[in-house]
Amino acid sequence: MKIKLKKGDLVQVIAGDARLEKNNTGKILSIDLAKNRAIVEGVNLVSKHTKPNAKNPQGGIVKQEASIHISNLMLVEPSTGKLTRVGRKLDEKTNKLVRYSKKSKEVIK
């Protein structure tokens, strides 16, 4: 399966626990290609218990993002702010594959 989302894309969660995660938007921080999962900023926050260390001398409970499956994410179109599916097509000028919005047919940068 080809992953059509990239690091830095603005996405919305379209499935999951309705009161916690569904309809939240955020920027993709990283993608794990092997597991088809992504970490999205501010979505799927979990509490992690940490020991004291140099970065956090007190230790304690830290909130951090956990990964979410790619199939539960949908790209937010940059120009209109609506959800869209992503396609790939060959650009005539550069002869390279580019991503485009299937709703508006615009190329996604």
Protein backbone atom coordinates (compact mmCIF):
# COMPACT_ATOMS: atom_id res chain seq x y z
CA MET A 1 0.00 0.00 0.00
CA LYS A 2 1.39 3.41 -0.98
CA ILE A 3 1.16 6.04 1.76
CA LYS A 4 -0.01 9.29 0.22
CA LEU A 5 0.42 11.44 3.34
CA LYS A 6 3.69 13.16 4.22
CA LYS A 7 5.36 14.62 7.26
CA GLY A 8 4.06 18.16 7.75
CA ASP A 9 0.62 17.56 6.18
CA LEU A 10 -2.44 18.88 8.02
CA VAL A 11 -4.78 15.93 8.64
CA GLN A 12 -8.04 15.23 10.42
CA VAL A 13 -8.92 12.07 12.33
CA ILE A 14 -11.95 10.48 10.65
CA ALA A 15 -12.35 7.41 12.89
CA GLY A 16 -11.72 6.47 16.47
CA ASP A 17 -13.05 7.23 19.93
CA ALA A 18 -15.66 9.94 19.24
CA ARG A 19 -15.28 11.90 22.46
CA LEU A 20 -11.48 11.94 22.43
CA GLU A 21 -9.94 11.77 18.98
CA LYS A 22 -12.49 11.92 16.13
CA ASN A 23 -12.59 15.23 14.20
CA ASN A 24 -9.34 16.48 15.76
CA THR A 25 -6.88 18.06 13.35
CA GLY A 26 -3.12 18.30 13.56
CA LYS A 27 0.13 18.25 11.66
CA ILE A 28 1.90 14.95 10.99
CA LEU A 29 5.11 14.82 13.03
CA SER A 30 6.42 11.46 11.79
CA ILE A 31 5.36 8.40 9.81
CA ASP A 32 6.28 4.74 10.42
CA LEU A 33 6.16 3.12 6.96
CA ALA A 34 6.61 -0.42 8.27
CA LYS A 35 3.55 -0.25 10.54
CA ASN A 36 1.44 2.22 8.46
CA ARG A 37 1.13 4.53 11.46
CA ALA A 38 1.67 8.26 11.99
CA ILE A 39 2.17 10.54 14.98
CA VAL A 40 -0.10 13.58 14.76
CA GLU A 41 0.45 16.73 16.81
CA GLY A 42 -2.06 16.99 19.68
CA VAL A 43 -3.94 13.79 18.79
CA ASN A 44 -4.01 10.48 20.72
CA LEU A 45 -2.27 11.83 23.83
CA VAL A 46 -1.16 9.20 26.34
CA SER A 47 0.31 9.52 29.83
CA LYS A 48 3.83 8.16 30.16
CA HIS A 49 5.56 7.69 33.50
CA THR A 50 9.19 8.84 33.38
CA LYS A 51 12.10 8.47 35.73
CA PRO A 52 14.09 11.57 36.66
CA ASN A 53 16.74 12.39 34.05
CA ALA A 54 18.78 15.37 32.83
CA LYS A 55 15.98 16.70 30.66
CA ASN A 56 13.28 16.23 33.30
CA PRO A 57 14.99 16.24 36.75
CA GLN A 58 11.75 15.74 38.66
CA GLY A 59 10.37 12.85 36.61
CA GLY A 60 6.66 12.12 36.84
CA ILE A 61 3.83 11.75 34.35
CA VAL A 62 4.33 13.25 30.88
CA LYS A 63 1.65 13.59 28.18
CA GLN A 64 2.86 12.67 24.69
CA GLU A 65 1.40 11.73 21.32
CA ALA A 66 1.02 8.06 20.41
CA SER A 67 0.79 6.74 16.86
CA ILE A 68 -2.48 6.40 14.96
CA HIS A 69 -3.16 4.24 11.91
CA ILE A 70 -2.92 5.99 8.51
CA SER A 71 -6.37 4.72 7.49
CA ASN A 72 -7.93 6.81 10.27
CA LEU A 73 -6.47 10.06 8.84
CA MET A 74 -7.62 12.24 5.96
CA LEU A 75 -5.84 15.19 4.40
CA VAL A 76 -7.23 18.69 4.96
CA GLU A 77 -7.03 20.58 1.66
CA PRO A 78 -4.71 23.60 2.13
CA SER A 79 -6.71 26.02 -0.03
CA THR A 80 -10.29 25.31 1.13
CA GLY A 81 -9.84 23.61 4.51
CA LYS A 82 -12.11 20.69 3.52
CA LEU A 83 -11.27 17.00 3.69
CA THR A 84 -10.05 15.42 0.48
CA ARG A 85 -8.63 12.22 -0.87
CA VAL A 86 -5.14 12.27 -2.37
CA GLY A 87 -4.25 11.12 -5.87
CA ARG A 88 -0.97 10.94 -7.74
CA LYS A 89 -0.42 11.97 -11.34
CA LEU A 90 2.44 12.71 -13.68
CA ASP A 91 3.17 16.44 -14.03
CA GLU A 92 3.58 17.37 -17.71
CA LYS A 93 6.12 20.14 -17.07
CA THR A 94 8.55 18.28 -14.82
CA ASN A 95 7.75 14.64 -15.68
CA LYS A 96 7.53 13.85 -11.94
CA LEU A 97 4.76 12.33 -9.86
CA VAL A 98 2.86 14.96 -7.88
CA ARG A 99 0.09 14.67 -5.30
CA TYR A 100 -3.24 16.31 -6.08
CA SER A 101 -6.58 16.83 -4.36
CA LYS A 102 -9.28 14.60 -5.81
CA LYS A 103 -11.95 17.18 -4.86
CA SER A 104 -10.50 20.34 -6.40
CA LYS A 105 -7.95 18.72 -8.75
CA GLU A 106 -5.26 21.14 -7.39
CA VAL A 107 -1.66 20.03 -6.91
CA ILE A 108 -0.68 19.66 -3.24
CA LYS A 109 2.72 21.08 -2.31
